[in-house]
N, C-alpha and C. Protein backbone atom coordinates (compact mmCIF):
# COMPACT_ATOMS: atom_id res chain seq x y z
N UNK A 1 90.38 -2.68 -7.61
CA UNK A 1 89.35 -3.84 -6.65
C UNK A 1 89.16 -2.63 -5.47
N UNK A 2 87.55 -3.35 -5.01
CA UNK A 2 86.66 -2.73 -4.39
C UNK A 2 87.37 -2.89 -3.06
N UNK A 3 87.48 -4.48 -3.19
CA UNK A 3 88.46 -4.40 -1.83
C UNK A 3 88.96 -3.60 -1.01
N UNK A 4 89.36 -2.59 -1.89
CA UNK A 4 90.92 -1.83 -1.94
C UNK A 4 89.88 -0.18 -0.98
N UNK A 5 89.01 -0.52 -0.57
CA UNK A 5 88.53 1.01 -0.67
C UNK A 5 87.83 0.70 0.51
N UNK A 6 87.20 -0.37 0.70
CA UNK A 6 86.07 -0.58 2.34
C UNK A 6 87.13 -0.05 3.32
N UNK A 7 86.96 1.03 4.35
CA UNK A 7 87.34 0.68 5.54
C UNK A 7 87.57 -0.21 6.23
N UNK A 8 88.89 0.09 6.61
CA UNK A 8 89.83 -0.94 7.66
C UNK A 8 89.75 -0.66 9.30
N UNK A 9 89.79 0.71 9.39
CA UNK A 9 89.06 1.00 10.47
C UNK A 9 88.87 2.84 10.13
N UNK A 10 88.41 3.59 10.76
CA UNK A 10 87.96 4.95 11.01
C UNK A 10 89.28 5.36 9.52
N UNK A 11 88.36 5.83 8.78
CA UNK A 11 89.38 6.89 7.55
C UNK A 11 90.34 5.93 6.69
N UNK A 12 90.72 4.74 6.80
CA UNK A 12 92.06 4.13 6.12
C UNK A 12 90.99 3.41 6.42
N UNK A 13 91.66 3.13 4.53
CA UNK A 13 91.16 1.92 3.64
C UNK A 13 92.74 1.29 3.77
N UNK A 14 92.75 0.22 2.92
CA UNK A 14 93.36 -0.47 2.94
C UNK A 14 94.37 -0.32 1.20
N UNK A 15 93.86 0.36 0.41
CA UNK A 15 94.40 1.39 -0.58
C UNK A 15 95.39 1.91 0.09
N UNK A 16 94.50 2.87 1.08
CA UNK A 16 95.06 4.07 2.38
C UNK A 16 96.52 4.07 2.62
N UNK A 17 96.11 2.55 3.43
CA UNK A 17 97.17 1.74 4.36
C UNK A 17 98.58 1.67 3.41
N UNK A 18 98.41 1.02 2.41
CA UNK A 18 99.85 1.16 1.48
C UNK A 18 100.05 1.42 0.74
N UNK A 19 99.24 2.72 0.73
CA UNK A 19 99.80 4.27 0.11
C UNK A 19 100.80 5.01 1.28
N UNK A 20 100.42 4.89 2.39
CA UNK A 20 101.56 5.28 3.96
C UNK A 20 102.85 4.87 3.85
N UNK A 21 102.79 2.79 3.50
CA UNK A 21 103.16 2.52 3.87
C UNK A 21 104.77 3.23 2.57
N UNK A 22 104.28 3.14 1.48
CA UNK A 22 104.67 3.85 0.47
C UNK A 22 105.57 5.01 0.59
N UNK A 23 105.11 6.20 0.97
CA UNK A 23 104.85 7.29 1.38
C UNK A 23 106.01 7.34 2.32
N UNK A 24 105.68 6.42 3.45
CA UNK A 24 106.73 7.00 4.57
C UNK A 24 108.28 6.03 4.28
N UNK A 25 108.03 4.78 3.31
CA UNK A 25 109.34 4.46 2.93
C UNK A 25 110.31 5.63 2.77
N UNK A 26 109.35 6.32 1.16
CA UNK A 26 110.25 7.50 0.54
C UNK A 26 110.94 8.48 1.58
N UNK A 27 109.72 9.07 2.54
CA UNK A 27 109.96 9.88 3.39
C UNK A 27 111.37 9.72 3.99
N UNK A 28 111.36 8.31 4.89
CA UNK A 28 112.19 7.99 5.82
C UNK A 28 113.59 8.01 4.72
N UNK A 29 114.02 7.45 3.88
CA UNK A 29 114.60 7.20 2.15
C UNK A 29 115.55 9.00 2.29
N UNK A 30 114.56 9.70 2.46
CA UNK A 30 115.21 11.34 1.83
C UNK A 30 115.58 11.67 3.14
N UNK A 31 115.11 10.99 4.46
CA UNK A 31 115.08 11.89 5.85
C UNK A 31 116.84 11.47 6.54
N UNK A 32 116.70 9.89 5.85
CA UNK A 32 117.79 9.43 6.35
C UNK A 32 119.48 9.83 5.60
N UNK A 33 118.95 9.97 4.15
CA UNK A 33 120.05 10.90 3.06
C UNK A 33 120.43 12.08 3.53
N UNK A 34 119.09 12.69 4.29
CA UNK A 34 119.50 14.10 4.45
C UNK A 34 120.35 14.44 5.98
N UNK A 35 120.04 13.71 6.88
CA UNK A 35 120.99 13.17 8.16
C UNK A 35 122.10 12.61 7.57
N UNK A 36 122.75 12.17 6.94
CA UNK A 36 123.94 11.45 6.61
C UNK A 36 124.46 12.95 5.99
N UNK A 37 124.06 13.09 5.03
CA UNK A 37 124.74 14.35 4.51
C UNK A 37 125.36 15.64 5.55
N UNK A 38 124.11 15.76 6.84
CA UNK A 38 124.50 17.16 7.50
C UNK A 38 125.21 16.30 8.34
N UNK A 39 125.12 15.16 8.33
CA UNK A 39 126.82 14.46 9.26
C UNK A 39 127.76 14.33 9.11
N UNK A 40 128.10 14.52 7.58
CA UNK A 40 129.85 14.13 6.62
C UNK A 40 130.73 15.08 7.04
N UNK A 41 130.34 16.60 7.13
CA UNK A 41 131.24 17.60 7.84
C UNK A 41 131.88 17.40 9.26
N UNK A 42 130.95 16.24 9.86
CA UNK A 42 131.47 16.75 11.53
C UNK A 42 132.54 15.26 11.59
N UNK A 43 132.41 14.12 10.64
CA UNK A 43 133.15 13.05 10.54
C UNK A 43 134.74 13.34 9.99
N UNK A 44 135.72 13.70 11.13
CA UNK A 44 136.89 13.91 10.47
C UNK A 44 137.63 13.26 10.54
N UNK A 45 137.47 11.94 11.47
CA UNK A 45 138.40 10.80 11.88
C UNK A 45 137.72 10.05 12.37
N UNK A 46 138.90 8.81 12.47
CA UNK A 46 137.79 7.54 12.63
C UNK A 46 136.96 7.54 14.62
N UNK A 47 137.96 8.54 15.32
CA UNK A 47 136.94 8.62 16.73
C UNK A 47 135.50 9.42 16.19
N UNK A 48 135.33 10.08 15.75
CA UNK A 48 133.78 10.85 15.11
C UNK A 48 133.55 9.45 14.50
N UNK A 49 134.11 9.28 13.62
CA UNK A 49 132.68 8.30 13.19
C UNK A 49 132.45 6.93 13.86
N UNK A 50 133.03 6.07 14.68
CA UNK A 50 132.57 5.65 15.98
C UNK A 50 131.66 5.74 16.65
N UNK A 51 131.57 7.51 17.09
CA UNK A 51 130.55 8.35 17.62
C UNK A 51 129.08 8.31 16.93
N UNK A 52 129.20 8.67 15.53
CA UNK A 52 128.11 8.99 14.54
C UNK A 52 127.78 8.31 14.23
N UNK A 53 128.08 6.82 13.46
CA UNK A 53 127.58 6.52 12.46
C UNK A 53 126.47 5.22 13.45
N UNK A 54 126.90 4.95 14.69
CA UNK A 54 125.53 4.19 15.56
C UNK A 54 124.23 4.56 15.44
N UNK A 55 124.72 6.11 15.40
CA UNK A 55 123.06 7.34 15.60
C UNK A 55 122.83 7.14 14.34
N UNK A 56 123.54 7.18 13.16
CA UNK A 56 122.29 6.87 12.28
C UNK A 56 122.02 4.91 12.01
N UNK A 57 122.30 4.17 12.65
CA UNK A 57 122.35 2.98 12.13
C UNK A 57 120.98 2.71 13.39
N UNK A 58 121.11 3.42 14.25
CA UNK A 58 120.11 3.78 15.44
C UNK A 58 118.53 4.23 14.47
N UNK A 59 119.02 5.36 13.17
CA UNK A 59 118.00 5.62 13.52
C UNK A 59 117.59 4.91 12.25
N UNK A 60 118.31 4.44 11.40
CA UNK A 60 117.19 2.97 10.46
C UNK A 60 117.31 2.84 10.80
N UNK A 61 116.93 2.01 11.86
CA UNK A 61 116.85 0.84 12.31
C UNK A 61 115.39 0.95 12.70
N UNK A 62 115.46 2.04 13.38
CA UNK A 62 113.80 2.15 14.01
C UNK A 62 112.88 2.28 12.73
N UNK A 63 113.40 3.46 11.87
CA UNK A 63 112.83 3.19 10.34
C UNK A 63 111.81 2.19 10.28
N UNK A 64 113.11 1.50 9.77
CA UNK A 64 112.80 -0.06 9.38
C UNK A 64 111.92 -0.85 9.88
N UNK A 65 111.71 -0.58 11.24
CA UNK A 65 111.05 -1.41 12.32
C UNK A 65 109.32 -0.65 12.22
N UNK A 66 109.39 0.81 11.68
CA UNK A 66 107.86 1.29 11.65
C UNK A 66 107.31 1.03 10.45
N UNK A 67 108.75 0.92 9.68
CA UNK A 67 107.80 -0.01 8.37
C UNK A 67 107.71 -1.02 8.56
N UNK A 68 107.91 -2.41 8.73
CA UNK A 68 107.60 -3.60 9.35
C UNK A 68 106.35 -3.81 9.86
N UNK A 69 106.52 -2.31 11.03
CA UNK A 69 104.86 -3.17 11.72
C UNK A 69 103.91 -2.54 10.67
N UNK A 70 103.65 -1.64 10.08
CA UNK A 70 102.70 -1.24 8.71
C UNK A 70 102.34 -2.21 7.53
N UNK A 71 103.51 -2.78 7.29
CA UNK A 71 103.75 -4.10 6.45
C UNK A 71 102.76 -5.15 7.05
N UNK A 72 103.34 -5.64 8.09
CA UNK A 72 102.54 -6.61 9.21
C UNK A 72 100.56 -6.74 8.80
N UNK A 73 100.46 -5.41 9.41
CA UNK A 73 99.08 -4.84 9.71
C UNK A 73 98.73 -4.78 8.03
N UNK A 74 99.24 -4.21 7.03
CA UNK A 74 98.88 -4.52 5.50
C UNK A 74 98.65 -6.26 5.68
N UNK A 75 99.20 -7.27 5.66
CA UNK A 75 99.33 -8.40 5.55
C UNK A 75 98.02 -8.87 6.09
N UNK A 76 97.95 -8.41 7.79
CA UNK A 76 96.57 -9.06 8.39
C UNK A 76 95.87 -8.79 7.56
N UNK A 77 95.49 -7.33 7.34
CA UNK A 77 94.20 -6.74 6.80
C UNK A 77 93.65 -7.44 5.05
N UNK A 78 94.97 -7.73 4.40
CA UNK A 78 94.56 -8.40 3.57
C UNK A 78 94.21 -10.20 3.54
N UNK A 79 94.45 -10.82 4.89
CA UNK A 79 93.99 -12.05 4.98
C UNK A 79 92.98 -12.13 4.78
N UNK A 80 92.51 -10.88 5.61
CA UNK A 80 90.92 -10.71 6.73
C UNK A 80 89.39 -10.76 5.72
């Protein structure tokens, strides 16, 4: 579609924005998996989990909020 190829701002097309959303999502998924894998050895008991799990949760929430912002931006551009 030609409309996906027009620039929405300098150097970025709608198609490029969608690609960024997809790539960011996949990259964050990998980063979260790596983070969890690296932190697993540090969890020896419930007390350790109480400290470490909220850190993972916060990281995941930030990733989701960043993706939501990009998705909202894509929806606005698509309507325009």
